[in-house]
Protein backbone atom coordinates (compact mmCIF):
# COMPACT_ATOMS: atom_id res chain seq x y z
CA MET A 1 119.17 124.46 38.26
CA LEU A 2 117.14 127.00 40.20
CA SER A 3 119.96 127.49 42.68
CA ALA A 4 122.38 128.07 39.80
CA VAL A 5 120.13 130.77 38.37
CA GLU A 6 119.62 132.31 41.81
CA GLY A 7 123.38 132.40 42.28
CA ALA A 8 123.74 134.42 39.09
CA ARG A 9 120.96 136.87 39.96
CA GLY A 10 123.31 139.84 40.29
CA ALA A 11 124.91 139.28 36.90
CA ILE A 12 121.54 138.70 35.22
CA THR A 13 120.11 141.88 36.75
CA ALA A 14 123.16 143.88 35.70
CA LEU A 15 122.86 142.70 32.08
CA ILE A 16 119.16 143.53 31.90
CA ALA A 17 119.82 147.01 33.31
CA ARG A 18 122.53 147.65 30.73
CA ALA A 19 120.47 146.25 27.84
CA GLU A 20 117.23 148.07 28.68
CA PRO A 21 118.05 151.58 27.37
CA GLY A 22 119.13 150.30 23.98
CA PHE A 23 116.26 147.84 23.68
CA SER A 24 113.78 150.56 24.66
CA ALA A 25 115.25 152.74 21.92
CA GLY A 26 114.52 150.07 19.32
CA GLY A 27 117.66 147.96 19.62
CA ARG A 28 117.66 144.20 19.27
CA LEU A 29 118.37 141.23 21.52
CA ILE A 30 120.60 138.86 19.56
CA TYR A 31 121.51 135.36 20.73
CA VAL A 32 124.45 133.47 19.24
CA GLY A 33 125.24 129.83 19.97
CA ALA A 34 126.07 126.38 18.65
CA GLY A 35 124.38 123.04 19.32
CA THR A 36 121.98 122.95 22.26
CA SER A 37 122.99 126.44 23.40
CA GLY A 38 122.24 127.93 20.00
CA ARG A 39 118.93 126.10 19.70
CA LEU A 40 117.83 127.56 23.03
CA GLY A 41 118.57 131.05 21.71
CA VAL A 42 116.60 130.38 18.53
CA LEU A 43 113.67 129.07 20.60
CA ASP A 44 113.56 132.15 22.82
CA ALA A 45 113.73 134.42 19.77
CA ALA A 46 110.96 132.50 18.00
CA GLU A 47 108.62 132.83 20.97
CA ALA A 48 108.88 136.63 21.25
CA PRO A 49 106.58 137.63 18.33
CA PRO A 50 103.58 135.46 19.28
CA THR A 51 103.93 136.24 22.98
CA PHE A 52 104.68 139.96 22.88
CA GLN A 53 103.75 140.99 19.32
CA THR A 54 107.30 142.11 18.57
CA PRO A 55 108.49 142.32 14.96
CA PRO A 56 110.38 139.10 14.08
CA GLY A 57 113.71 140.96 13.88
CA ARG A 58 113.53 142.39 17.39
CA VAL A 59 114.82 139.21 19.08
CA VAL A 60 117.19 137.24 16.86
CA GLY A 61 118.67 133.76 17.23
CA ILE A 62 121.85 132.93 15.32
CA LEU A 63 122.78 129.24 15.30
CA ALA A 64 125.96 127.68 13.93
CA GLY A 65 124.82 125.80 10.84
CA GLY A 66 121.68 127.88 10.35
CA GLU A 67 118.16 126.50 10.23
CA ALA A 68 119.32 123.01 9.27
CA ALA A 69 121.16 122.76 12.59
CA ILE A 70 117.92 123.13 14.54
CA ARG A 71 117.13 119.50 13.73
CA SER A 72 120.48 118.09 12.63
CA SER A 73 123.84 118.03 14.39
CA SER A 74 126.47 120.47 13.12
CA GLU A 75 129.14 120.28 15.83
CA GLY A 76 132.02 120.82 13.39
CA LEU A 77 130.87 124.37 12.70
CA GLU A 78 131.26 125.45 16.31
CA ASP A 79 135.07 125.56 15.89
CA ASP A 80 134.92 128.43 13.38
CA ARG A 81 135.61 131.72 15.18
CA GLU A 82 134.49 133.69 12.13
CA GLY A 83 131.42 131.54 11.51
CA ALA A 84 128.90 134.19 12.61
CA LEU A 85 130.46 137.01 10.61
CA GLU A 86 128.05 136.99 7.68
CA GLU A 87 124.91 136.93 9.81
CA LEU A 88 126.12 139.54 12.28
CA ALA A 89 127.32 141.83 9.51
CA GLY A 90 123.95 141.47 7.80
CA LEU A 91 122.21 142.79 10.90
CA GLY A 92 123.97 146.15 10.78
CA LEU A 93 124.73 146.22 14.49
CA THR A 94 124.36 149.47 16.43
CA ALA A 95 125.09 150.64 19.96
CA ASP A 96 121.44 149.93 20.87
CA ASP A 97 121.84 146.20 20.23
CA THR A 98 122.74 143.48 22.74
CA VAL A 99 124.58 140.38 21.54
CA ILE A 100 124.49 137.43 23.95
CA GLY A 101 126.75 134.49 23.32
CA ILE A 102 125.57 131.19 24.78
CA ALA A 103 128.18 128.52 25.50
CA ALA A 104 127.66 125.97 28.27
CA GLY A 105 131.36 125.09 28.36
CA GLY A 106 132.51 128.68 28.00
CA THR A 107 135.06 127.99 25.27
CA THR A 108 133.10 127.49 22.03
CA PRO A 109 135.12 129.29 19.30
CA TYR A 110 132.01 130.12 17.25
CA VAL A 111 130.45 131.93 20.22
CA LEU A 112 133.54 133.71 21.53
CA GLY A 113 134.38 134.69 17.97
CA ALA A 114 130.88 136.12 17.53
CA LEU A 115 131.40 138.44 20.50
CA SER A 116 134.68 139.62 18.99
CA ILE A 117 133.02 140.12 15.60
CA ALA A 118 130.21 142.14 17.22
CA LYS A 119 132.74 144.49 18.80
CA ARG A 120 134.56 144.88 15.49
CA LEU A 121 131.33 145.73 13.71
CA SER A 122 130.06 148.15 16.36
CA ALA A 123 132.30 149.26 19.21
CA GLY A 124 129.29 150.40 21.23
CA VAL A 125 127.28 147.20 21.03
CA LEU A 126 126.62 145.50 24.38
CA THR A 127 127.97 141.94 24.55
CA ALA A 128 127.48 139.19 27.10
CA LEU A 129 128.24 135.52 27.62
CA VAL A 130 125.93 133.01 29.32
CA THR A 131 127.91 129.95 30.40
CA CYS A 132 127.88 127.10 32.89
CA ALA A 133 131.67 127.04 33.19
CA ASN A 134 133.67 128.89 35.81
CA VAL A 135 135.06 131.65 33.60
CA CYS A 136 135.78 135.02 35.12
CA ASP A 137 136.95 137.15 32.23
CA VAL A 138 136.05 136.97 28.56
CA ALA A 139 137.86 139.55 26.45
CA ASP A 140 134.92 140.66 24.31
CA ALA A 141 132.08 140.20 26.80
CA ASP A 142 130.88 143.26 28.70
CA CYS A 143 128.88 140.98 31.01
CA VAL A 144 129.40 137.35 31.97
CA ILE A 145 126.66 135.22 33.52
CA VAL A 146 128.02 132.04 35.09
CA LEU A 147 125.51 129.33 36.00
CA GLU A 148 127.10 126.89 38.41
CA THR A 149 125.06 123.83 37.50
CA GLY A 150 127.77 121.33 38.41
CA PRO A 151 128.49 118.00 36.66
CA GLU A 152 125.80 116.59 34.40
CA VAL A 153 124.03 113.35 35.28
CA ILE A 154 125.32 112.06 31.94
CA THR A 155 128.82 113.50 31.71
CA GLY A 156 129.13 116.12 29.00
CA SER A 157 125.44 116.17 28.08
CA THR A 158 124.87 119.88 28.47
CA ARG A 159 121.34 119.68 27.10
CA MET A 160 120.37 118.55 30.62
CA LYS A 161 121.15 120.70 33.68
CA ALA A 162 123.09 123.32 31.75
CA GLY A 163 120.42 123.51 29.07
CA THR A 164 117.59 123.85 31.57
CA ALA A 165 119.35 126.58 33.55
CA THR A 166 120.26 128.43 30.36
CA LYS A 167 116.64 128.36 29.16
CA LEU A 168 115.55 129.89 32.47
CA VAL A 169 118.06 132.70 32.09
CA LEU A 170 117.15 133.49 28.50
CA ASN A 171 113.46 133.55 29.46
CA THR A 172 114.29 135.92 32.30
CA ILE A 173 116.30 138.30 30.13
CA SER A 174 113.82 138.55 27.26
CA THR A 175 110.74 138.69 29.50
CA ALA A 176 112.24 141.39 31.71
CA LEU A 177 113.04 143.54 28.67
CA MET A 178 109.51 143.08 27.36
CA VAL A 179 108.01 144.04 30.72
CA ARG A 180 110.19 147.13 30.98
CA THR A 181 109.26 148.28 27.49
CA GLY A 182 105.51 148.08 28.13
CA LYS A 183 104.65 144.76 26.51
CA VAL A 184 103.08 143.68 29.82
CA TYR A 185 100.59 145.49 32.05
CA GLU A 186 100.34 144.18 35.59
CA ASN A 187 100.93 140.50 34.80
CA LEU A 188 99.00 140.42 31.53
CA MET A 189 100.27 140.11 27.94
CA VAL A 190 98.34 143.15 26.77
CA ASP A 191 100.10 143.37 23.40
CA VAL A 192 98.24 140.30 22.19
CA ARG A 193 96.20 140.91 19.06
CA ALA A 194 93.04 138.85 18.48
CA THR A 195 93.98 137.24 15.16
CA ASN A 196 92.63 133.71 15.74
CA ALA A 197 90.12 131.98 18.02
CA LYS A 198 92.61 131.19 20.77
CA LEU A 199 94.04 134.70 20.81
CA ARG A 200 90.57 136.29 20.65
CA ASP A 201 89.65 134.33 23.76
CA ARG A 202 92.88 135.32 25.50
CA ALA A 203 92.46 138.98 24.56
CA ALA A 204 88.86 138.96 25.76
CA ARG A 205 89.94 137.54 29.13
CA ILE A 206 92.59 140.26 29.43
CA VAL A 207 90.08 142.98 28.58
CA SER A 208 87.57 141.51 31.02
CA THR A 209 90.17 141.43 33.81
CA LEU A 210 91.21 145.06 33.27
CA THR A 211 87.74 146.49 32.71
CA GLY A 212 85.39 144.32 34.73
CA LEU A 213 83.27 143.63 31.65
CA GLY A 214 81.59 140.29 31.07
CA ARG A 215 82.84 137.89 28.42
CA GLU A 216 80.44 138.91 25.63
CA GLU A 217 80.89 142.60 26.35
CA ALA A 218 84.66 142.14 26.21
CA PHE A 219 84.37 140.45 22.81
CA GLY A 220 82.24 143.32 21.54
CA LEU A 221 84.70 145.92 22.80
CA LEU A 222 87.58 144.04 21.20
CA ALA A 223 85.78 144.08 17.86
CA ARG A 224 85.36 147.87 18.10
CA ALA A 225 89.04 148.13 19.07
CA GLU A 226 90.03 146.30 15.87
CA GLY A 227 91.40 143.37 17.86
CA SER A 228 93.77 145.38 20.08
CA ALA A 229 93.44 144.53 23.76
CA LYS A 230 95.29 147.68 24.79
CA ALA A 231 93.10 149.93 22.70
CA ALA A 232 90.01 148.21 24.10
CA VAL A 233 91.10 148.89 27.67
CA VAL A 234 91.84 152.55 26.91
CA MET A 235 88.47 152.95 25.17
CA HIS A 236 86.58 151.55 28.16
CA ARG A 237 88.59 153.23 30.92
CA LEU A 238 88.58 156.66 29.29
CA GLY A 239 85.33 156.51 27.34
CA VAL A 240 86.99 157.30 23.99
CA ASP A 241 86.76 155.85 20.49
CA VAL A 242 89.36 153.60 18.88
CA SER A 243 91.15 156.39 17.00
CA THR A 244 91.61 158.42 20.19
CA ALA A 245 92.72 155.35 22.12
CA SER A 246 95.22 154.49 19.38
CA ALA A 247 96.54 158.05 19.41
CA TYR A 248 97.12 157.93 23.17
CA LEU A 249 98.97 154.63 22.78
CA ALA A 250 101.07 155.91 19.88
CA ARG A 251 102.19 158.94 21.85
CA HIS A 252 103.45 156.65 24.60
CA GLY A 253 105.22 154.10 22.46
CA GLY A 254 102.38 151.62 22.87
CA ARG A 255 102.56 151.64 26.66
CA LEU A 256 99.15 151.11 28.24
CA ASP A 257 100.14 152.74 31.53
CA GLY A 258 101.26 155.91 29.73
CA ALA A 259 98.12 156.10 27.59
CA LEU A 260 95.84 155.67 30.59
CA GLY A 261 97.84 158.24 32.53
CA GLU A 262 97.62 160.88 29.82
CA GLY A 263 93.95 160.23 29.21
CA GLY A 264 93.18 160.41 32.92
CA ARG A 265 95.02 163.72 33.28
CA ASN A 266 93.19 165.18 30.31
CA GLN A 267 89.84 164.17 31.78
CA ALA A 268 90.77 165.67 35.16
CA GLU A 269 91.77 168.94 33.54
CA ARG A 270 88.45 169.14 31.67
CA ALA A 271 86.44 168.39 34.80
């Protein structure tokens, strides 16, 4: 599976580069699939808010059969080329959005139809197909990522090698977009907000790593920062209060590197 993903590195990189401007401008990452492929898209979308503090609608998973199909089989619905019309139309697609169809076999009508629907709804929307079949050209896909996973151990069971490779690719795409839009600083999930015991502990460890403070000091700083790890780091590094730290972050779209850079320049100019 790793070799299949490595072999598609160029196509994955190209898709991320094309998706980044729109996503940075507030566009959405939208996965569409049926069966195992669709469930993987839903899973990746569901993990974005708790991991990166994105609004729930920023990464969307559309699955043939809806929520019921997460737990129950709905294979018959994957033959409907217009099956995703209602959900895609309801999203109000724009040129900043990226719609990624996921189809291990490369021929699922529901998925290919969704890409066609997306283009009908918004000519400028970016579309892509992630597949484990050797397809070279898909009419409505601006980008095609082919994962050459080879035959399954159990013939036709694409939840195995194909599913694992697909999950790796979806993780790569969504994580790369989050990193490039400032949801990560160094290798830390700095957008975490301390809303429960586990997340308070995680946020305190992040603050401690980026400030050098001890555990209890980090907890105290987090409390003054109203639970925001990024604001806490800005407060400590620049010696400002939470309102000033929040203002720096707001001016830079929530990016910690930008806030620290502006604050540092302001301090240098006053020196």
